[in-house]
Amino acid sequence: SGIGKKTASNLTNYLHSKVKDRLQS
């Protein structure tokens, strides 16, 4: 995507559990 490395890391770390929970539900 070209998204900055720091931003990409923040997104994957912060949203991992939230996205996983929402997909499962």
PDBML (XML) file of the C-alpha atoms, coordinates in Angstrom:
<?xml version="1.0" encoding="UTF-8" ?>
<PDBx:datablock datablockName="MODEL"
   xmlns:PDBx="http://pdbml.pdb.org/schema/pdbx-v50.xsd"
   xmlns:xsi="http://www.w3.org/2001/XMLSchema-instance"
   xsi:schemaLocation="http://pdbml.pdb.org/schema/pdbx-v50.xsd pdbx-v50.xsd">
   <PDBx:atom_siteCategory>
      <PDBx:atom_site id="1">
         <PDBx:B_iso_or_equiv>0.00</PDBx:B_iso_or_equiv>
         <PDBx:Cartn_x>0.000</PDBx:Cartn_x>
         <PDBx:Cartn_y>0.000</PDBx:Cartn_y>
         <PDBx:Cartn_z>0.000</PDBx:Cartn_z>
         <PDBx:auth_asym_id>A</PDBx:auth_asym_id>
         <PDBx:auth_atom_id>CA</PDBx:auth_atom_id>
         <PDBx:auth_comp_id>SER</PDBx:auth_comp_id>
         <PDBx:auth_seq_id>1</PDBx:auth_seq_id>
         <PDBx:group_PDB>ATOM</PDBx:group_PDB>
         <PDBx:label_alt_id xsi:nil="true" />
         <PDBx:label_asym_id>A</PDBx:label_asym_id>
         <PDBx:label_atom_id>CA</PDBx:label_atom_id>
         <PDBx:label_comp_id>SER</PDBx:label_comp_id>
         <PDBx:label_entity_id>1</PDBx:label_entity_id>
         <PDBx:label_seq_id>1</PDBx:label_seq_id>
         <PDBx:occupancy>1.00</PDBx:occupancy>
         <PDBx:pdbx_PDB_model_num>1</PDBx:pdbx_PDB_model_num>
         <PDBx:type_symbol>C</PDBx:type_symbol>
      </PDBx:atom_site>
      <PDBx:atom_site id="2">
         <PDBx:B_iso_or_equiv>0.00</PDBx:B_iso_or_equiv>
         <PDBx:Cartn_x>2.868</PDBx:Cartn_x>
         <PDBx:Cartn_y>2.400</PDBx:Cartn_y>
         <PDBx:Cartn_z>0.607</PDBx:Cartn_z>
         <PDBx:auth_asym_id>A</PDBx:auth_asym_id>
         <PDBx:auth_atom_id>CA</PDBx:auth_atom_id>
         <PDBx:auth_comp_id>GLY</PDBx:auth_comp_id>
         <PDBx:auth_seq_id>2</PDBx:auth_seq_id>
         <PDBx:group_PDB>ATOM</PDBx:group_PDB>
         <PDBx:label_alt_id xsi:nil="true" />
         <PDBx:label_asym_id>A</PDBx:label_asym_id>
         <PDBx:label_atom_id>CA</PDBx:label_atom_id>
         <PDBx:label_comp_id>GLY</PDBx:label_comp_id>
         <PDBx:label_entity_id>1</PDBx:label_entity_id>
         <PDBx:label_seq_id>2</PDBx:label_seq_id>
         <PDBx:occupancy>1.00</PDBx:occupancy>
         <PDBx:pdbx_PDB_model_num>1</PDBx:pdbx_PDB_model_num>
         <PDBx:type_symbol>C</PDBx:type_symbol>
      </PDBx:atom_site>
      <PDBx:atom_site id="3">
         <PDBx:B_iso_or_equiv>0.00</PDBx:B_iso_or_equiv>
         <PDBx:Cartn_x>1.554</PDBx:Cartn_x>
         <PDBx:Cartn_y>3.103</PDBx:Cartn_y>
         <PDBx:Cartn_z>4.108</PDBx:Cartn_z>
         <PDBx:auth_asym_id>A</PDBx:auth_asym_id>
         <PDBx:auth_atom_id>CA</PDBx:auth_atom_id>
         <PDBx:auth_comp_id>ILE</PDBx:auth_comp_id>
         <PDBx:auth_seq_id>3</PDBx:auth_seq_id>
         <PDBx:group_PDB>ATOM</PDBx:group_PDB>
         <PDBx:label_alt_id xsi:nil="true" />
         <PDBx:label_asym_id>A</PDBx:label_asym_id>
         <PDBx:label_atom_id>CA</PDBx:label_atom_id>
         <PDBx:label_comp_id>ILE</PDBx:label_comp_id>
         <PDBx:label_entity_id>1</PDBx:label_entity_id>
         <PDBx:label_seq_id>3</PDBx:label_seq_id>
         <PDBx:occupancy>1.00</PDBx:occupancy>
         <PDBx:pdbx_PDB_model_num>1</PDBx:pdbx_PDB_model_num>
         <PDBx:type_symbol>C</PDBx:type_symbol>
      </PDBx:atom_site>
      <PDBx:atom_site id="4">
         <PDBx:B_iso_or_equiv>0.00</PDBx:B_iso_or_equiv>
         <PDBx:Cartn_x>4.437</PDBx:Cartn_x>
         <PDBx:Cartn_y>4.092</PDBx:Cartn_y>
         <PDBx:Cartn_z>6.388</PDBx:Cartn_z>
         <PDBx:auth_asym_id>A</PDBx:auth_asym_id>
         <PDBx:auth_atom_id>CA</PDBx:auth_atom_id>
         <PDBx:auth_comp_id>GLY</PDBx:auth_comp_id>
         <PDBx:auth_seq_id>4</PDBx:auth_seq_id>
         <PDBx:group_PDB>ATOM</PDBx:group_PDB>
         <PDBx:label_alt_id xsi:nil="true" />
         <PDBx:label_asym_id>A</PDBx:label_asym_id>
         <PDBx:label_atom_id>CA</PDBx:label_atom_id>
         <PDBx:label_comp_id>GLY</PDBx:label_comp_id>
         <PDBx:label_entity_id>1</PDBx:label_entity_id>
         <PDBx:label_seq_id>4</PDBx:label_seq_id>
         <PDBx:occupancy>1.00</PDBx:occupancy>
         <PDBx:pdbx_PDB_model_num>1</PDBx:pdbx_PDB_model_num>
         <PDBx:type_symbol>C</PDBx:type_symbol>
      </PDBx:atom_site>
      <PDBx:atom_site id="5">
         <PDBx:B_iso_or_equiv>0.00</PDBx:B_iso_or_equiv>
         <PDBx:Cartn_x>6.110</PDBx:Cartn_x>
         <PDBx:Cartn_y>1.304</PDBx:Cartn_y>
         <PDBx:Cartn_z>8.356</PDBx:Cartn_z>
         <PDBx:auth_asym_id>A</PDBx:auth_asym_id>
         <PDBx:auth_atom_id>CA</PDBx:auth_atom_id>
         <PDBx:auth_comp_id>LYS</PDBx:auth_comp_id>
         <PDBx:auth_seq_id>5</PDBx:auth_seq_id>
         <PDBx:group_PDB>ATOM</PDBx:group_PDB>
         <PDBx:label_alt_id xsi:nil="true" />
         <PDBx:label_asym_id>A</PDBx:label_asym_id>
         <PDBx:label_atom_id>CA</PDBx:label_atom_id>
         <PDBx:label_comp_id>LYS</PDBx:label_comp_id>
         <PDBx:label_entity_id>1</PDBx:label_entity_id>
         <PDBx:label_seq_id>5</PDBx:label_seq_id>
         <PDBx:occupancy>1.00</PDBx:occupancy>
         <PDBx:pdbx_PDB_model_num>1</PDBx:pdbx_PDB_model_num>
         <PDBx:type_symbol>C</PDBx:type_symbol>
      </PDBx:atom_site>
      <PDBx:atom_site id="6">
         <PDBx:B_iso_or_equiv>0.00</PDBx:B_iso_or_equiv>
         <PDBx:Cartn_x>5.245</PDBx:Cartn_x>
         <PDBx:Cartn_y>2.845</PDBx:Cartn_y>
         <PDBx:Cartn_z>11.738</PDBx:Cartn_z>
         <PDBx:auth_asym_id>A</PDBx:auth_asym_id>
         <PDBx:auth_atom_id>CA</PDBx:auth_atom_id>
         <PDBx:auth_comp_id>LYS</PDBx:auth_comp_id>
         <PDBx:auth_seq_id>6</PDBx:auth_seq_id>
         <PDBx:group_PDB>ATOM</PDBx:group_PDB>
         <PDBx:label_alt_id xsi:nil="true" />
         <PDBx:label_asym_id>A</PDBx:label_asym_id>
         <PDBx:label_atom_id>CA</PDBx:label_atom_id>
         <PDBx:label_comp_id>LYS</PDBx:label_comp_id>
         <PDBx:label_entity_id>1</PDBx:label_entity_id>
         <PDBx:label_seq_id>6</PDBx:label_seq_id>
         <PDBx:occupancy>1.00</PDBx:occupancy>
         <PDBx:pdbx_PDB_model_num>1</PDBx:pdbx_PDB_model_num>
         <PDBx:type_symbol>C</PDBx:type_symbol>
      </PDBx:atom_site>
      <PDBx:atom_site id="7">
         <PDBx:B_iso_or_equiv>0.00</PDBx:B_iso_or_equiv>
         <PDBx:Cartn_x>1.595</PDBx:Cartn_x>
         <PDBx:Cartn_y>3.334</PDBx:Cartn_y>
         <PDBx:Cartn_z>10.786</PDBx:Cartn_z>
         <PDBx:auth_asym_id>A</PDBx:auth_asym_id>
         <PDBx:auth_atom_id>CA</PDBx:auth_atom_id>
         <PDBx:auth_comp_id>THR</PDBx:auth_comp_id>
         <PDBx:auth_seq_id>7</PDBx:auth_seq_id>
         <PDBx:group_PDB>ATOM</PDBx:group_PDB>
         <PDBx:label_alt_id xsi:nil="true" />
         <PDBx:label_asym_id>A</PDBx:label_asym_id>
         <PDBx:label_atom_id>CA</PDBx:label_atom_id>
         <PDBx:label_comp_id>THR</PDBx:label_comp_id>
         <PDBx:label_entity_id>1</PDBx:label_entity_id>
         <PDBx:label_seq_id>7</PDBx:label_seq_id>
         <PDBx:occupancy>1.00</PDBx:occupancy>
         <PDBx:pdbx_PDB_model_num>1</PDBx:pdbx_PDB_model_num>
         <PDBx:type_symbol>C</PDBx:type_symbol>
      </PDBx:atom_site>
      <PDBx:atom_site id="8">
         <PDBx:B_iso_or_equiv>0.00</PDBx:B_iso_or_equiv>
         <PDBx:Cartn_x>1.353</PDBx:Cartn_x>
         <PDBx:Cartn_y>-0.187</PDBx:Cartn_y>
         <PDBx:Cartn_z>9.352</PDBx:Cartn_z>
         <PDBx:auth_asym_id>A</PDBx:auth_asym_id>
         <PDBx:auth_atom_id>CA</PDBx:auth_atom_id>
         <PDBx:auth_comp_id>ALA</PDBx:auth_comp_id>
         <PDBx:auth_seq_id>8</PDBx:auth_seq_id>
         <PDBx:group_PDB>ATOM</PDBx:group_PDB>
         <PDBx:label_alt_id xsi:nil="true" />
         <PDBx:label_asym_id>A</PDBx:label_asym_id>
         <PDBx:label_atom_id>CA</PDBx:label_atom_id>
         <PDBx:label_comp_id>ALA</PDBx:label_comp_id>
         <PDBx:label_entity_id>1</PDBx:label_entity_id>
         <PDBx:label_seq_id>8</PDBx:label_seq_id>
         <PDBx:occupancy>1.00</PDBx:occupancy>
         <PDBx:pdbx_PDB_model_num>1</PDBx:pdbx_PDB_model_num>
         <PDBx:type_symbol>C</PDBx:type_symbol>
      </PDBx:atom_site>
      <PDBx:atom_site id="9">
         <PDBx:B_iso_or_equiv>0.00</PDBx:B_iso_or_equiv>
         <PDBx:Cartn_x>2.818</PDBx:Cartn_x>
         <PDBx:Cartn_y>-1.606</PDBx:Cartn_y>
         <PDBx:Cartn_z>12.563</PDBx:Cartn_z>
         <PDBx:auth_asym_id>A</PDBx:auth_asym_id>
         <PDBx:auth_atom_id>CA</PDBx:auth_atom_id>
         <PDBx:auth_comp_id>SER</PDBx:auth_comp_id>
         <PDBx:auth_seq_id>9</PDBx:auth_seq_id>
         <PDBx:group_PDB>ATOM</PDBx:group_PDB>
         <PDBx:label_alt_id xsi:nil="true" />
         <PDBx:label_asym_id>A</PDBx:label_asym_id>
         <PDBx:label_atom_id>CA</PDBx:label_atom_id>
         <PDBx:label_comp_id>SER</PDBx:label_comp_id>
         <PDBx:label_entity_id>1</PDBx:label_entity_id>
         <PDBx:label_seq_id>9</PDBx:label_seq_id>
         <PDBx:occupancy>1.00</PDBx:occupancy>
         <PDBx:pdbx_PDB_model_num>1</PDBx:pdbx_PDB_model_num>
         <PDBx:type_symbol>C</PDBx:type_symbol>
      </PDBx:atom_site>
      <PDBx:atom_site id="10">
         <PDBx:B_iso_or_equiv>0.00</PDBx:B_iso_or_equiv>
         <PDBx:Cartn_x>0.430</PDBx:Cartn_x>
         <PDBx:Cartn_y>0.404</PDBx:Cartn_y>
         <PDBx:Cartn_z>14.730</PDBx:Cartn_z>
         <PDBx:auth_asym_id>A</PDBx:auth_asym_id>
         <PDBx:auth_atom_id>CA</PDBx:auth_atom_id>
         <PDBx:auth_comp_id>ASN</PDBx:auth_comp_id>
         <PDBx:auth_seq_id>10</PDBx:auth_seq_id>
         <PDBx:group_PDB>ATOM</PDBx:group_PDB>
         <PDBx:label_alt_id xsi:nil="true" />
         <PDBx:label_asym_id>A</PDBx:label_asym_id>
         <PDBx:label_atom_id>CA</PDBx:label_atom_id>
         <PDBx:label_comp_id>ASN</PDBx:label_comp_id>
         <PDBx:label_entity_id>1</PDBx:label_entity_id>
         <PDBx:label_seq_id>10</PDBx:label_seq_id>
         <PDBx:occupancy>1.00</PDBx:occupancy>
         <PDBx:pdbx_PDB_model_num>1</PDBx:pdbx_PDB_model_num>
         <PDBx:type_symbol>C</PDBx:type_symbol>
      </PDBx:atom_site>
      <PDBx:atom_site id="11">
         <PDBx:B_iso_or_equiv>0.00</PDBx:B_iso_or_equiv>
         <PDBx:Cartn_x>-2.581</PDBx:Cartn_x>
         <PDBx:Cartn_y>-0.773</PDBx:Cartn_y>
         <PDBx:Cartn_z>12.707</PDBx:Cartn_z>
         <PDBx:auth_asym_id>A</PDBx:auth_asym_id>
         <PDBx:auth_atom_id>CA</PDBx:auth_atom_id>
         <PDBx:auth_comp_id>LEU</PDBx:auth_comp_id>
         <PDBx:auth_seq_id>11</PDBx:auth_seq_id>
         <PDBx:group_PDB>ATOM</PDBx:group_PDB>
         <PDBx:label_alt_id xsi:nil="true" />
         <PDBx:label_asym_id>A</PDBx:label_asym_id>
         <PDBx:label_atom_id>CA</PDBx:label_atom_id>
         <PDBx:label_comp_id>LEU</PDBx:label_comp_id>
         <PDBx:label_entity_id>1</PDBx:label_entity_id>
         <PDBx:label_seq_id>11</PDBx:label_seq_id>
         <PDBx:occupancy>1.00</PDBx:occupancy>
         <PDBx:pdbx_PDB_model_num>1</PDBx:pdbx_PDB_model_num>
         <PDBx:type_symbol>C</PDBx:type_symbol>
      </PDBx:atom_site>
      <PDBx:atom_site id="12">
         <PDBx:B_iso_or_equiv>0.00</PDBx:B_iso_or_equiv>
         <PDBx:Cartn_x>-1.676</PDBx:Cartn_x>
         <PDBx:Cartn_y>-4.455</PDBx:Cartn_y>
         <PDBx:Cartn_z>12.755</PDBx:Cartn_z>
         <PDBx:auth_asym_id>A</PDBx:auth_asym_id>
         <PDBx:auth_atom_id>CA</PDBx:auth_atom_id>
         <PDBx:auth_comp_id>THR</PDBx:auth_comp_id>
         <PDBx:auth_seq_id>12</PDBx:auth_seq_id>
         <PDBx:group_PDB>ATOM</PDBx:group_PDB>
         <PDBx:label_alt_id xsi:nil="true" />
         <PDBx:label_asym_id>A</PDBx:label_asym_id>
         <PDBx:label_atom_id>CA</PDBx:label_atom_id>
         <PDBx:label_comp_id>THR</PDBx:label_comp_id>
         <PDBx:label_entity_id>1</PDBx:label_entity_id>
         <PDBx:label_seq_id>12</PDBx:label_seq_id>
         <PDBx:occupancy>1.00</PDBx:occupancy>
         <PDBx:pdbx_PDB_model_num>1</PDBx:pdbx_PDB_model_num>
         <PDBx:type_symbol>C</PDBx:type_symbol>
      </PDBx:atom_site>
      <PDBx:atom_site id="13">
         <PDBx:B_iso_or_equiv>0.00</PDBx:B_iso_or_equiv>
         <PDBx:Cartn_x>-0.775</PDBx:Cartn_x>
         <PDBx:Cartn_y>-4.464</PDBx:Cartn_y>
         <PDBx:Cartn_z>16.451</PDBx:Cartn_z>
         <PDBx:auth_asym_id>A</PDBx:auth_asym_id>
         <PDBx:auth_atom_id>CA</PDBx:auth_atom_id>
         <PDBx:auth_comp_id>ASN</PDBx:auth_comp_id>
         <PDBx:auth_seq_id>13</PDBx:auth_seq_id>
         <PDBx:group_PDB>ATOM</PDBx:group_PDB>
         <PDBx:label_alt_id xsi:nil="true" />
         <PDBx:label_asym_id>A</PDBx:label_asym_id>
         <PDBx:label_atom_id>CA</PDBx:label_atom_id>
         <PDBx:label_comp_id>ASN</PDBx:label_comp_id>
         <PDBx:label_entity_id>1</PDBx:label_entity_id>
         <PDBx:label_seq_id>13</PDBx:label_seq_id>
         <PDBx:occupancy>1.00</PDBx:occupancy>
         <PDBx:pdbx_PDB_model_num>1</PDBx:pdbx_PDB_model_num>
         <PDBx:type_symbol>C</PDBx:type_symbol>
      </PDBx:atom_site>
      <PDBx:atom_site id="14">
         <PDBx:B_iso_or_equiv>0.00</PDBx:B_iso_or_equiv>
         <PDBx:Cartn_x>-3.709</PDBx:Cartn_x>
         <PDBx:Cartn_y>-2.431</PDBx:Cartn_y>
         <PDBx:Cartn_z>17.738</PDBx:Cartn_z>
         <PDBx:auth_asym_id>A</PDBx:auth_asym_id>
         <PDBx:auth_atom_id>CA</PDBx:auth_atom_id>
         <PDBx:auth_comp_id>TYR</PDBx:auth_comp_id>
         <PDBx:auth_seq_id>14</PDBx:auth_seq_id>
         <PDBx:group_PDB>ATOM</PDBx:group_PDB>
         <PDBx:label_alt_id xsi:nil="true" />
         <PDBx:label_asym_id>A</PDBx:label_asym_id>
         <PDBx:label_atom_id>CA</PDBx:label_atom_id>
         <PDBx:label_comp_id>TYR</PDBx:label_comp_id>
         <PDBx:label_entity_id>1</PDBx:label_entity_id>
         <PDBx:label_seq_id>14</PDBx:label_seq_id>
         <PDBx:occupancy>1.00</PDBx:occupancy>
         <PDBx:pdbx_PDB_model_num>1</PDBx:pdbx_PDB_model_num>
         <PDBx:type_symbol>C</PDBx:type_symbol>
      </PDBx:atom_site>
      <PDBx:atom_site id="15">
         <PDBx:B_iso_or_equiv>0.00</PDBx:B_iso_or_equiv>
         <PDBx:Cartn_x>-6.473</PDBx:Cartn_x>
         <PDBx:Cartn_y>-3.895</PDBx:Cartn_y>
         <PDBx:Cartn_z>15.575</PDBx:Cartn_z>
         <PDBx:auth_asym_id>A</PDBx:auth_asym_id>
         <PDBx:auth_atom_id>CA</PDBx:auth_atom_id>
         <PDBx:auth_comp_id>LEU</PDBx:auth_comp_id>
         <PDBx:auth_seq_id>15</PDBx:auth_seq_id>
         <PDBx:group_PDB>ATOM</PDBx:group_PDB>
         <PDBx:label_alt_id xsi:nil="true" />
         <PDBx:label_asym_id>A</PDBx:label_asym_id>
         <PDBx:label_atom_id>CA</PDBx:label_atom_id>
         <PDBx:label_comp_id>LEU</PDBx:label_comp_id>
         <PDBx:label_entity_id>1</PDBx:label_entity_id>
         <PDBx:label_seq_id>15</PDBx:label_seq_id>
         <PDBx:occupancy>1.00</PDBx:occupancy>
         <PDBx:pdbx_PDB_model_num>1</PDBx:pdbx_PDB_model_num>
         <PDBx:type_symbol>C</PDBx:type_symbol>
      </PDBx:atom_site>
      <PDBx:atom_site id="16">
         <PDBx:B_iso_or_equiv>0.00</PDBx:B_iso_or_equiv>
         <PDBx:Cartn_x>-5.457</PDBx:Cartn_x>
         <PDBx:Cartn_y>-7.562</PDBx:Cartn_y>
         <PDBx:Cartn_z>15.430</PDBx:Cartn_z>
         <PDBx:auth_asym_id>A</PDBx:auth_asym_id>
         <PDBx:auth_atom_id>CA</PDBx:auth_atom_id>
         <PDBx:auth_comp_id>HIS</PDBx:auth_comp_id>
         <PDBx:auth_seq_id>16</PDBx:auth_seq_id>
         <PDBx:group_PDB>ATOM</PDBx:group_PDB>
         <PDBx:label_alt_id xsi:nil="true" />
         <PDBx:label_asym_id>A</PDBx:label_asym_id>
         <PDBx:label_atom_id>CA</PDBx:label_atom_id>
         <PDBx:label_comp_id>HIS</PDBx:label_comp_id>
         <PDBx:label_entity_id>1</PDBx:label_entity_id>
         <PDBx:label_seq_id>16</PDBx:label_seq_id>
         <PDBx:occupancy>1.00</PDBx:occupancy>
         <PDBx:pdbx_PDB_model_num>1</PDBx:pdbx_PDB_model_num>
         <PDBx:type_symbol>C</PDBx:type_symbol>
      </PDBx:atom_site>
      <PDBx:atom_site id="17">
         <PDBx:B_iso_or_equiv>0.00</PDBx:B_iso_or_equiv>
         <PDBx:Cartn_x>-7.640</PDBx:Cartn_x>
         <PDBx:Cartn_y>-8.776</PDBx:Cartn_y>
         <PDBx:Cartn_z>18.305</PDBx:Cartn_z>
         <PDBx:auth_asym_id>A</PDBx:auth_asym_id>
         <PDBx:auth_atom_id>CA</PDBx:auth_atom_id>
         <PDBx:auth_comp_id>SER</PDBx:auth_comp_id>
         <PDBx:auth_seq_id>17</PDBx:auth_seq_id>
         <PDBx:group_PDB>ATOM</PDBx:group_PDB>
         <PDBx:label_alt_id xsi:nil="true" />
         <PDBx:label_asym_id>A</PDBx:label_asym_id>
         <PDBx:label_atom_id>CA</PDBx:label_atom_id>
         <PDBx:label_comp_id>SER</PDBx:label_comp_id>
         <PDBx:label_entity_id>1</PDBx:label_entity_id>
         <PDBx:label_seq_id>17</PDBx:label_seq_id>
         <PDBx:occupancy>1.00</PDBx:occupancy>
         <PDBx:pdbx_PDB_model_num>1</PDBx:pdbx_PDB_model_num>
         <PDBx:type_symbol>C</PDBx:type_symbol>
      </PDBx:atom_site>
      <PDBx:atom_site id="18">
         <PDBx:B_iso_or_equiv>0.00</PDBx:B_iso_or_equiv>
         <PDBx:Cartn_x>-10.513</PDBx:Cartn_x>
         <PDBx:Cartn_y>-6.438</PDBx:Cartn_y>
         <PDBx:Cartn_z>17.409</PDBx:Cartn_z>
         <PDBx:auth_asym_id>A</PDBx:auth_asym_id>
         <PDBx:auth_atom_id>CA</PDBx:auth_atom_id>
         <PDBx:auth_comp_id>LYS</PDBx:auth_comp_id>
         <PDBx:auth_seq_id>18</PDBx:auth_seq_id>
         <PDBx:group_PDB>ATOM</PDBx:group_PDB>
         <PDBx:label_alt_id xsi:nil="true" />
         <PDBx:label_asym_id>A</PDBx:label_asym_id>
         <PDBx:label_atom_id>CA</PDBx:label_atom_id>
         <PDBx:label_comp_id>LYS</PDBx:label_comp_id>
         <PDBx:label_entity_id>1</PDBx:label_entity_id>
         <PDBx:label_seq_id>18</PDBx:label_seq_id>
         <PDBx:occupancy>1.00</PDBx:occupancy>
         <PDBx:pdbx_PDB_model_num>1</PDBx:pdbx_PDB_model_num>
         <PDBx:type_symbol>C</PDBx:type_symbol>
      </PDBx:atom_site>
      <PDBx:atom_site id="19">
         <PDBx:B_iso_or_equiv>0.00</PDBx:B_iso_or_equiv>
         <PDBx:Cartn_x>-10.676</PDBx:Cartn_x>
         <PDBx:Cartn_y>-7.604</PDBx:Cartn_y>
         <PDBx:Cartn_z>13.793</PDBx:Cartn_z>
         <PDBx:auth_asym_id>A</PDBx:auth_asym_id>
         <PDBx:auth_atom_id>CA</PDBx:auth_atom_id>
         <PDBx:auth_comp_id>VAL</PDBx:auth_comp_id>
         <PDBx:auth_seq_id>19</PDBx:auth_seq_id>
         <PDBx:group_PDB>ATOM</PDBx:group_PDB>
         <PDBx:label_alt_id xsi:nil="true" />
         <PDBx:label_asym_id>A</PDBx:label_asym_id>
         <PDBx:label_atom_id>CA</PDBx:label_atom_id>
         <PDBx:label_comp_id>VAL</PDBx:label_comp_id>
         <PDBx:label_entity_id>1</PDBx:label_entity_id>
         <PDBx:label_seq_id>19</PDBx:label_seq_id>
         <PDBx:occupancy>1.00</PDBx:occupancy>
         <PDBx:pdbx_PDB_model_num>1</PDBx:pdbx_PDB_model_num>
         <PDBx:type_symbol>C</PDBx:type_symbol>
      </PDBx:atom_site>
      <PDBx:atom_site id="20">
         <PDBx:B_iso_or_equiv>0.00</PDBx:B_iso_or_equiv>
         <PDBx:Cartn_x>-10.323</PDBx:Cartn_x>
         <PDBx:Cartn_y>-11.247</PDBx:Cartn_y>
         <PDBx:Cartn_z>14.815</PDBx:Cartn_z>
         <PDBx:auth_asym_id>A</PDBx:auth_asym_id>
         <PDBx:auth_atom_id>CA</PDBx:auth_atom_id>
         <PDBx:auth_comp_id>LYS</PDBx:auth_comp_id>
         <PDBx:auth_seq_id>20</PDBx:auth_seq_id>
         <PDBx:group_PDB>ATOM</PDBx:group_PDB>
         <PDBx:label_alt_id xsi:nil="true" />
         <PDBx:label_asym_id>A</PDBx:label_asym_id>
         <PDBx:label_atom_id>CA</PDBx:label_atom_id>
         <PDBx:label_comp_id>LYS</PDBx:label_comp_id>
         <PDBx:label_entity_id>1</PDBx:label_entity_id>
         <PDBx:label_seq_id>20</PDBx:label_seq_id>
         <PDBx:occupancy>1.00</PDBx:occupancy>
         <PDBx:pdbx_PDB_model_num>1</PDBx:pdbx_PDB_model_num>
         <PDBx:type_symbol>C</PDBx:type_symbol>
      </PDBx:atom_site>
      <PDBx:atom_site id="21">
         <PDBx:B_iso_or_equiv>0.00</PDBx:B_iso_or_equiv>
         <PDBx:Cartn_x>-13.149</PDBx:Cartn_x>
         <PDBx:Cartn_y>-10.966</PDBx:Cartn_y>
         <PDBx:Cartn_z>17.349</PDBx:Cartn_z>
         <PDBx:auth_asym_id>A</PDBx:auth_asym_id>
         <PDBx:auth_atom_id>CA</PDBx:auth_atom_id>
         <PDBx:auth_comp_id>ASP</PDBx:auth_comp_id>
         <PDBx:auth_seq_id>21</PDBx:auth_seq_id>
         <PDBx:group_PDB>ATOM</PDBx:group_PDB>
         <PDBx:label_alt_id xsi:nil="true" />
         <PDBx:label_asym_id>A</PDBx:label_asym_id>
         <PDBx:label_atom_id>CA</PDBx:label_atom_id>
         <PDBx:label_comp_id>ASP</PDBx:label_comp_id>
         <PDBx:label_entity_id>1</PDBx:label_entity_id>
         <PDBx:label_seq_id>21</PDBx:label_seq_id>
         <PDBx:occupancy>1.00</PDBx:occupancy>
         <PDBx:pdbx_PDB_model_num>1</PDBx:pdbx_PDB_model_num>
         <PDBx:type_symbol>C</PDBx:type_symbol>
      </PDBx:atom_site>
      <PDBx:atom_site id="22">
         <PDBx:B_iso_or_equiv>0.00</PDBx:B_iso_or_equiv>
         <PDBx:Cartn_x>-15.451</PDBx:Cartn_x>
         <PDBx:Cartn_y>-9.199</PDBx:Cartn_y>
         <PDBx:Cartn_z>14.891</PDBx:Cartn_z>
         <PDBx:auth_asym_id>A</PDBx:auth_asym_id>
         <PDBx:auth_atom_id>CA</PDBx:auth_atom_id>
         <PDBx:auth_comp_id>ARG</PDBx:auth_comp_id>
         <PDBx:auth_seq_id>22</PDBx:auth_seq_id>
         <PDBx:group_PDB>ATOM</PDBx:group_PDB>
         <PDBx:label_alt_id xsi:nil="true" />
         <PDBx:label_asym_id>A</PDBx:label_asym_id>
         <PDBx:label_atom_id>CA</PDBx:label_atom_id>
         <PDBx:label_comp_id>ARG</PDBx:label_comp_id>
         <PDBx:label_entity_id>1</PDBx:label_entity_id>
         <PDBx:label_seq_id>22</PDBx:label_seq_id>
         <PDBx:occupancy>1.00</PDBx:occupancy>
         <PDBx:pdbx_PDB_model_num>1</PDBx:pdbx_PDB_model_num>
         <PDBx:type_symbol>C</PDBx:type_symbol>
      </PDBx:atom_site>
      <PDBx:atom_site id="23">
         <PDBx:B_iso_or_equiv>0.00</PDBx:B_iso_or_equiv>
         <PDBx:Cartn_x>-14.853</PDBx:Cartn_x>
         <PDBx:Cartn_y>-11.717</PDBx:Cartn_y>
         <PDBx:Cartn_z>12.136</PDBx:Cartn_z>
         <PDBx:auth_asym_id>A</PDBx:auth_asym_id>
         <PDBx:auth_atom_id>CA</PDBx:auth_atom_id>
         <PDBx:auth_comp_id>LEU</PDBx:auth_comp_id>
         <PDBx:auth_seq_id>23</PDBx:auth_seq_id>
         <PDBx:group_PDB>ATOM</PDBx:group_PDB>
         <PDBx:label_alt_id xsi:nil="true" />
         <PDBx:label_asym_id>A</PDBx:label_asym_id>
         <PDBx:label_atom_id>CA</PDBx:label_atom_id>
         <PDBx:label_comp_id>LEU</PDBx:label_comp_id>
         <PDBx:label_entity_id>1</PDBx:label_entity_id>
         <PDBx:label_seq_id>23</PDBx:label_seq_id>
         <PDBx:occupancy>1.00</PDBx:occupancy>
         <PDBx:pdbx_PDB_model_num>1</PDBx:pdbx_PDB_model_num>
         <PDBx:type_symbol>C</PDBx:type_symbol>
      </PDBx:atom_site>
      <PDBx:atom_site id="24">
         <PDBx:B_iso_or_equiv>0.00</PDBx:B_iso_or_equiv>
         <PDBx:Cartn_x>-15.503</PDBx:Cartn_x>
         <PDBx:Cartn_y>-14.623</PDBx:Cartn_y>
         <PDBx:Cartn_z>14.490</PDBx:Cartn_z>
         <PDBx:auth_asym_id>A</PDBx:auth_asym_id>
         <PDBx:auth_atom_id>CA</PDBx:auth_atom_id>
         <PDBx:auth_comp_id>GLN</PDBx:auth_comp_id>
         <PDBx:auth_seq_id>24</PDBx:auth_seq_id>
         <PDBx:group_PDB>ATOM</PDBx:group_PDB>
         <PDBx:label_alt_id xsi:nil="true" />
         <PDBx:label_asym_id>A</PDBx:label_asym_id>
         <PDBx:label_atom_id>CA</PDBx:label_atom_id>
         <PDBx:label_comp_id>GLN</PDBx:label_comp_id>
         <PDBx:label_entity_id>1</PDBx:label_entity_id>
         <PDBx:label_seq_id>24</PDBx:label_seq_id>
         <PDBx:occupancy>1.00</PDBx:occupancy>
         <PDBx:pdbx_PDB_model_num>1</PDBx:pdbx_PDB_model_num>
         <PDBx:type_symbol>C</PDBx:type_symbol>
      </PDBx:atom_site>
      <PDBx:atom_site id="25">
         <PDBx:B_iso_or_equiv>0.00</PDBx:B_iso_or_equiv>
         <PDBx:Cartn_x>-18.726</PDBx:Cartn_x>
         <PDBx:Cartn_y>-13.050</PDBx:Cartn_y>
         <PDBx:Cartn_z>15.730</PDBx:Cartn_z>
         <PDBx:auth_asym_id>A</PDBx:auth_asym_id>
         <PDBx:auth_atom_id>CA</PDBx:auth_atom_id>
         <PDBx:auth_comp_id>SER</PDBx:auth_comp_id>
         <PDBx:auth_seq_id>25</PDBx:auth_seq_id>
         <PDBx:group_PDB>ATOM</PDBx:group_PDB>
         <PDBx:label_alt_id xsi:nil="true" />
         <PDBx:label_asym_id>A</PDBx:label_asym_id>
         <PDBx:label_atom_id>CA</PDBx:label_atom_id>
         <PDBx:label_comp_id>SER</PDBx:label_comp_id>
         <PDBx:label_entity_id>1</PDBx:label_entity_id>
         <PDBx:label_seq_id>25</PDBx:label_seq_id>
         <PDBx:occupancy>1.00</PDBx:occupancy>
         <PDBx:pdbx_PDB_model_num>1</PDBx:pdbx_PDB_model_num>
         <PDBx:type_symbol>C</PDBx:type_symbol>
      </PDBx:atom_site>
   </PDBx:atom_siteCategory>
</PDBx:datablock>
